[in-house]
Amino acid sequence: MARGAEEPNFAWVLPGHGGLHRLPAGEMRERMRGLARRSATYPEHEIDRGAVGF
C-alpha cells in the first residue's frame, strides 16, 4: 500500500462495489498517502481462510 501511494497519478477510484469516486489528482494522491499511513498502523493478524468464501 505505501509503495503504491508514493506517486499515484490518477483521479478515479473504481471499486468492486459501491460508487465511483473522482477527485483532482493531487487530492487523490494525498488521500492515498493518508490511507497508506493509517494502514501501516493496523496490527497484523492471521487470516482465517476457512471463514472466507471464494
PDB file of N, CA and C in Angstrom:
ATOM      1  N   MET A   1       0.836  -1.185   0.000  1.00  0.00           N
ATOM      2  CA  MET A   1       0.000   0.000   0.000  1.00  0.00           C
ATOM      3  C   MET A   1       0.879   1.245   0.000  1.00  0.00           C
ATOM      4  N   ALA A   2       1.837   1.330   0.905  1.00  0.00           N
ATOM      5  CA  ALA A   2       2.669   2.525   0.999  1.00  0.00           C
ATOM      6  C   ALA A   2       3.460   2.753  -0.279  1.00  0.00           C
ATOM      7  N   ARG A   3       4.002   1.710  -0.856  1.00  0.00           N
ATOM      8  CA  ARG A   3       4.800   1.851  -2.075  1.00  0.00           C
ATOM      9  C   ARG A   3       3.937   2.386  -3.216  1.00  0.00           C
ATOM     10  N   GLY A   4       2.723   1.906  -3.332  1.00  0.00           N
ATOM     11  CA  GLY A   4       1.831   2.354  -4.388  1.00  0.00           C
ATOM     12  C   GLY A   4       1.304   3.761  -4.180  1.00  0.00           C
ATOM     13  N   ALA A   5       1.353   4.271  -2.953  1.00  0.00           N
ATOM     14  CA  ALA A   5       0.837   5.607  -2.661  1.00  0.00           C
ATOM     15  C   ALA A   5       1.884   6.693  -2.847  1.00  0.00           C
ATOM     16  N   GLU A   6       3.119   6.310  -3.104  1.00  0.00           N
ATOM     17  CA  GLU A   6       4.173   7.316  -3.239  1.00  0.00           C
ATOM     18  C   GLU A   6       3.885   8.317  -4.344  1.00  0.00           C
ATOM     19  N   GLU A   7       3.667   7.841  -5.545  1.00  0.00           N
ATOM     20  CA  GLU A   7       3.446   8.739  -6.667  1.00  0.00           C
ATOM     21  C   GLU A   7       2.267   8.317  -7.531  1.00  0.00           C
ATOM     22  N   PRO A   8       1.094   8.126  -6.942  1.00  0.00           N
ATOM     23  CA  PRO A   8      -0.041   7.771  -7.783  1.00  0.00           C
ATOM     24  C   PRO A   8      -0.411   8.967  -8.659  1.00  0.00           C
ATOM     25  N   ASN A   9      -0.856   8.691  -9.828  1.00  0.00           N
ATOM     26  CA  ASN A   9      -1.241   9.753 -10.740  1.00  0.00           C
ATOM     27  C   ASN A   9      -2.583   9.386 -11.371  1.00  0.00           C
ATOM     28  N   PHE A  10      -3.616   9.405 -10.551  1.00  0.00           N
ATOM     29  CA  PHE A  10      -4.939   9.078 -11.049  1.00  0.00           C
ATOM     30  C   PHE A  10      -5.954   9.908 -10.292  1.00  0.00           C
ATOM     31  N   ALA A  11      -7.141  10.006 -10.842  1.00  0.00           N
ATOM     32  CA  ALA A  11      -8.180  10.821 -10.240  1.00  0.00           C
ATOM     33  C   ALA A  11      -9.440  10.033  -9.905  1.00  0.00           C
ATOM     34  N   TRP A  12      -9.528   8.792 -10.367  1.00  0.00           N
ATOM     35  CA  TRP A  12     -10.731   7.981 -10.168  1.00  0.00           C
ATOM     36  C   TRP A  12     -10.430   6.751  -9.312  1.00  0.00           C
ATOM     37  N   VAL A  13     -11.402   6.356  -8.491  1.00  0.00           N
ATOM     38  CA  VAL A  13     -11.376   5.078  -7.796  1.00  0.00           C
ATOM     39  C   VAL A  13     -12.563   4.292  -8.338  1.00  0.00           C
ATOM     40  N   LEU A  14     -12.281   3.114  -8.844  1.00  0.00           N
ATOM     41  CA  LEU A  14     -13.324   2.254  -9.398  1.00  0.00           C
ATOM     42  C   LEU A  14     -13.441   1.015  -8.518  1.00  0.00           C
ATOM     43  N   PRO A  15     -14.275   1.082  -7.493  1.00  0.00           N
ATOM     44  CA  PRO A  15     -14.366  -0.018  -6.531  1.00  0.00           C
ATOM     45  C   PRO A  15     -15.055  -1.243  -7.111  1.00  0.00           C
ATOM     46  N   GLY A  16     -14.823  -2.363  -6.463  1.00  0.00           N
ATOM     47  CA  GLY A  16     -15.510  -3.594  -6.847  1.00  0.00           C
ATOM     48  C   GLY A  16     -16.973  -3.546  -6.466  1.00  0.00           C
ATOM     49  N   HIS A  17     -17.323  -2.704  -5.520  1.00  0.00           N
ATOM     50  CA  HIS A  17     -18.712  -2.476  -5.132  1.00  0.00           C
ATOM     51  C   HIS A  17     -18.800  -1.043  -4.630  1.00  0.00           C
ATOM     52  N   GLY A  18     -19.973  -0.502  -4.582  1.00  0.00           N
ATOM     53  CA  GLY A  18     -20.127   0.890  -4.189  1.00  0.00           C
ATOM     54  C   GLY A  18     -20.027   1.815  -5.391  1.00  0.00           C
ATOM     55  N   GLY A  19     -19.911   3.099  -5.128  1.00  0.00           N
ATOM     56  CA  GLY A  19     -19.920   4.084  -6.196  1.00  0.00           C
ATOM     57  C   GLY A  19     -18.529   4.473  -6.666  1.00  0.00           C
ATOM     58  N   LEU A  20     -18.502   5.075  -7.851  1.00  0.00           N
ATOM     59  CA  LEU A  20     -17.262   5.641  -8.377  1.00  0.00           C
ATOM     60  C   LEU A  20     -16.919   6.887  -7.563  1.00  0.00           C
ATOM     61  N   HIS A  21     -15.646   7.234  -7.534  1.00  0.00           N
ATOM     62  CA  HIS A  21     -15.250   8.426  -6.797  1.00  0.00           C
ATOM     63  C   HIS A  21     -14.167   9.142  -7.575  1.00  0.00           C
ATOM     64  N   ARG A  22     -14.375  10.439  -7.838  1.00  0.00           N
ATOM     65  CA  ARG A  22     -13.396  11.220  -8.576  1.00  0.00           C
ATOM     66  C   ARG A  22     -12.966  12.423  -7.754  1.00  0.00           C
ATOM     67  N   LEU A  23     -11.665  12.664  -7.712  1.00  0.00           N
ATOM     68  CA  LEU A  23     -11.080  13.838  -7.079  1.00  0.00           C
ATOM     69  C   LEU A  23      -9.984  14.368  -7.995  1.00  0.00           C
ATOM     70  N   PRO A  24      -9.591  15.614  -7.834  1.00  0.00           N
ATOM     71  CA  PRO A  24      -8.411  16.075  -8.555  1.00  0.00           C
ATOM     72  C   PRO A  24      -7.216  15.191  -8.186  1.00  0.00           C
ATOM     73  N   ALA A  25      -6.330  14.941  -9.140  1.00  0.00           N
ATOM     74  CA  ALA A  25      -5.229  14.001  -8.934  1.00  0.00           C
ATOM     75  C   ALA A  25      -4.399  14.332  -7.697  1.00  0.00           C
ATOM     76  N   GLY A  26      -4.132  15.588  -7.422  1.00  0.00           N
ATOM     77  CA  GLY A  26      -3.348  15.970  -6.246  1.00  0.00           C
ATOM     78  C   GLY A  26      -4.038  15.603  -4.941  1.00  0.00           C
ATOM     79  N   GLU A  27      -5.341  15.832  -4.885  1.00  0.00           N
ATOM     80  CA  GLU A  27      -6.089  15.473  -3.678  1.00  0.00           C
ATOM     81  C   GLU A  27      -6.160  13.961  -3.512  1.00  0.00           C
ATOM     82  N   MET A  28      -6.354  13.239  -4.622  1.00  0.00           N
ATOM     83  CA  MET A  28      -6.382  11.780  -4.547  1.00  0.00           C
ATOM     84  C   MET A  28      -5.044  11.252  -4.032  1.00  0.00           C
ATOM     85  N   ARG A  29      -3.951  11.834  -4.510  1.00  0.00           N
ATOM     86  CA  ARG A  29      -2.617  11.419  -4.060  1.00  0.00           C
ATOM     87  C   ARG A  29      -2.485  11.586  -2.549  1.00  0.00           C
ATOM     88  N   GLU A  30      -2.913  12.740  -2.026  1.00  0.00           N
ATOM     89  CA  GLU A  30      -2.809  12.979  -0.586  1.00  0.00           C
ATOM     90  C   GLU A  30      -3.693  12.027   0.212  1.00  0.00           C
ATOM     91  N   ARG A  31      -4.870  11.742  -0.284  1.00  0.00           N
ATOM     92  CA  ARG A  31      -5.752  10.799   0.415  1.00  0.00           C
ATOM     93  C   ARG A  31      -5.185   9.384   0.405  1.00  0.00           C
ATOM     94  N   MET A  32      -4.599   8.983  -0.715  1.00  0.00           N
ATOM     95  CA  MET A  32      -3.991   7.652  -0.781  1.00  0.00           C
ATOM     96  C   MET A  32      -2.784   7.560   0.143  1.00  0.00           C
ATOM     97  N   ARG A  33      -2.004   8.620   0.227  1.00  0.00           N
ATOM     98  CA  ARG A  33      -0.870   8.628   1.162  1.00  0.00           C
ATOM     99  C   ARG A  33      -1.365   8.520   2.600  1.00  0.00           C
ATOM    100  N   GLY A  34      -2.447   9.223   2.922  1.00  0.00           N
ATOM    101  CA  GLY A  34      -3.026   9.123   4.262  1.00  0.00           C
ATOM    102  C   GLY A  34      -3.515   7.718   4.561  1.00  0.00           C
ATOM    103  N   LEU A  35      -4.149   7.090   3.581  1.00  0.00           N
ATOM    104  CA  LEU A  35      -4.600   5.712   3.750  1.00  0.00           C
ATOM    105  C   LEU A  35      -3.411   4.783   3.998  1.00  0.00           C
ATOM    106  N   ALA A  36      -2.331   4.985   3.252  1.00  0.00           N
ATOM    107  CA  ALA A  36      -1.131   4.156   3.440  1.00  0.00           C
ATOM    108  C   ALA A  36      -0.556   4.350   4.845  1.00  0.00           C
ATOM    109  N   ARG A  37      -0.521   5.591   5.322  1.00  0.00           N
ATOM    110  CA  ARG A  37      -0.010   5.840   6.685  1.00  0.00           C
ATOM    111  C   ARG A  37      -0.887   5.152   7.724  1.00  0.00           C
ATOM    112  N   ARG A  38      -2.207   5.276   7.568  1.00  0.00           N
ATOM    113  CA  ARG A  38      -3.116   4.648   8.541  1.00  0.00           C
ATOM    114  C   ARG A  38      -3.013   3.132   8.494  1.00  0.00           C
ATOM    115  N   SER A  39      -2.968   2.558   7.295  1.00  0.00           N
ATOM    116  CA  SER A  39      -2.937   1.101   7.200  1.00  0.00           C
ATOM    117  C   SER A  39      -1.634   0.529   7.745  1.00  0.00           C
ATOM    118  N   ALA A  40      -0.564   1.318   7.738  1.00  0.00           N
ATOM    119  CA  ALA A  40       0.704   0.844   8.296  1.00  0.00           C
ATOM    120  C   ALA A  40       0.620   0.685   9.819  1.00  0.00           C
ATOM    121  N   THR A  41      -0.369   1.293  10.450  1.00  0.00           N
ATOM    122  CA  THR A  41      -0.508   1.203  11.908  1.00  0.00           C
ATOM    123  C   THR A  41      -1.433   0.072  12.341  1.00  0.00           C
ATOM    124  N   TYR A  42      -2.120  -0.558  11.385  1.00  0.00           N
ATOM    125  CA  TYR A  42      -3.027  -1.645  11.731  1.00  0.00           C
ATOM    126  C   TYR A  42      -2.230  -2.849  12.215  1.00  0.00           C
ATOM    127  N   PRO A  43      -2.694  -3.504  13.266  1.00  0.00           N
ATOM    128  CA  PRO A  43      -1.982  -4.704  13.721  1.00  0.00           C
ATOM    129  C   PRO A  43      -2.135  -5.836  12.702  1.00  0.00           C
ATOM    130  N   GLU A  44      -1.072  -6.579  12.512  1.00  0.00           N
ATOM    131  CA  GLU A  44      -1.138  -7.720  11.604  1.00  0.00           C
ATOM    132  C   GLU A  44      -1.789  -8.887  12.329  1.00  0.00           C
ATOM    133  N   HIS A  45      -2.598  -9.617  11.601  1.00  0.00           N
ATOM    134  CA  HIS A  45      -3.218 -10.808  12.173  1.00  0.00           C
ATOM    135  C   HIS A  45      -3.384 -11.838  11.066  1.00  0.00           C
ATOM    136  N   GLU A  46      -3.420 -13.078  11.481  1.00  0.00           N
ATOM    137  CA  GLU A  46      -3.554 -14.161  10.520  1.00  0.00           C
ATOM    138  C   GLU A  46      -4.984 -14.190   9.986  1.00  0.00           C
ATOM    139  N   ILE A  47      -5.111 -14.477   8.705  1.00  0.00           N
ATOM    140  CA  ILE A  47      -6.420 -14.551   8.064  1.00  0.00           C
ATOM    141  C   ILE A  47      -6.939 -15.975   8.169  1.00  0.00           C
ATOM    142  N   ASP A  48      -8.176 -16.119   8.645  1.00  0.00           N
ATOM    143  CA  ASP A  48      -8.832 -17.418   8.699  1.00  0.00           C
ATOM    144  C   ASP A  48      -9.432 -17.685   7.337  1.00  0.00           C
ATOM    145  N   ARG A  49      -8.695 -18.362   6.466  1.00  0.00           N
ATOM    146  CA  ARG A  49      -9.135 -18.592   5.085  1.00  0.00           C
ATOM    147  C   ARG A  49     -10.363 -19.503   5.031  1.00  0.00           C
ATOM    148  N   GLY A  50     -10.604 -20.287   6.065  1.00  0.00           N
ATOM    149  CA  GLY A  50     -11.784 -21.134   6.106  1.00  0.00           C
ATOM    150  C   GLY A  50     -13.048 -20.325   6.295  1.00  0.00           C
ATOM    151  N   ALA A  51     -12.933 -19.117   6.844  1.00  0.00           N
ATOM    152  CA  ALA A  51     -14.084 -18.281   7.087  1.00  0.00           C
ATOM    153  C   ALA A  51     -14.425 -17.394   5.882  1.00  0.00           C
ATOM    154  N   VAL A  52     -13.572 -17.428   4.877  1.00  0.00           N
ATOM    155  CA  VAL A  52     -13.768 -16.565   3.705  1.00  0.00           C
ATOM    156  C   VAL A  52     -14.230 -17.423   2.533  1.00  0.00           C
ATOM    157  N   GLY A  53     -15.338 -17.057   1.934  1.00  0.00           N
ATOM    158  CA  GLY A  53     -15.837 -17.787   0.768  1.00  0.00           C
ATOM    159  C   GLY A  53     -15.228 -17.229  -0.511  1.00  0.00           C
ATOM    160  N   PHE A  54     -14.629 -18.103  -1.291  1.00  0.00           N
ATOM    161  CA  PHE A  54     -14.034 -17.652  -2.553  1.00  0.00           C
ATOM    162  C   PHE A  54     -14.863 -18.127  -3.707  1.00  0.00           C
TER     163      PHE A  54
END
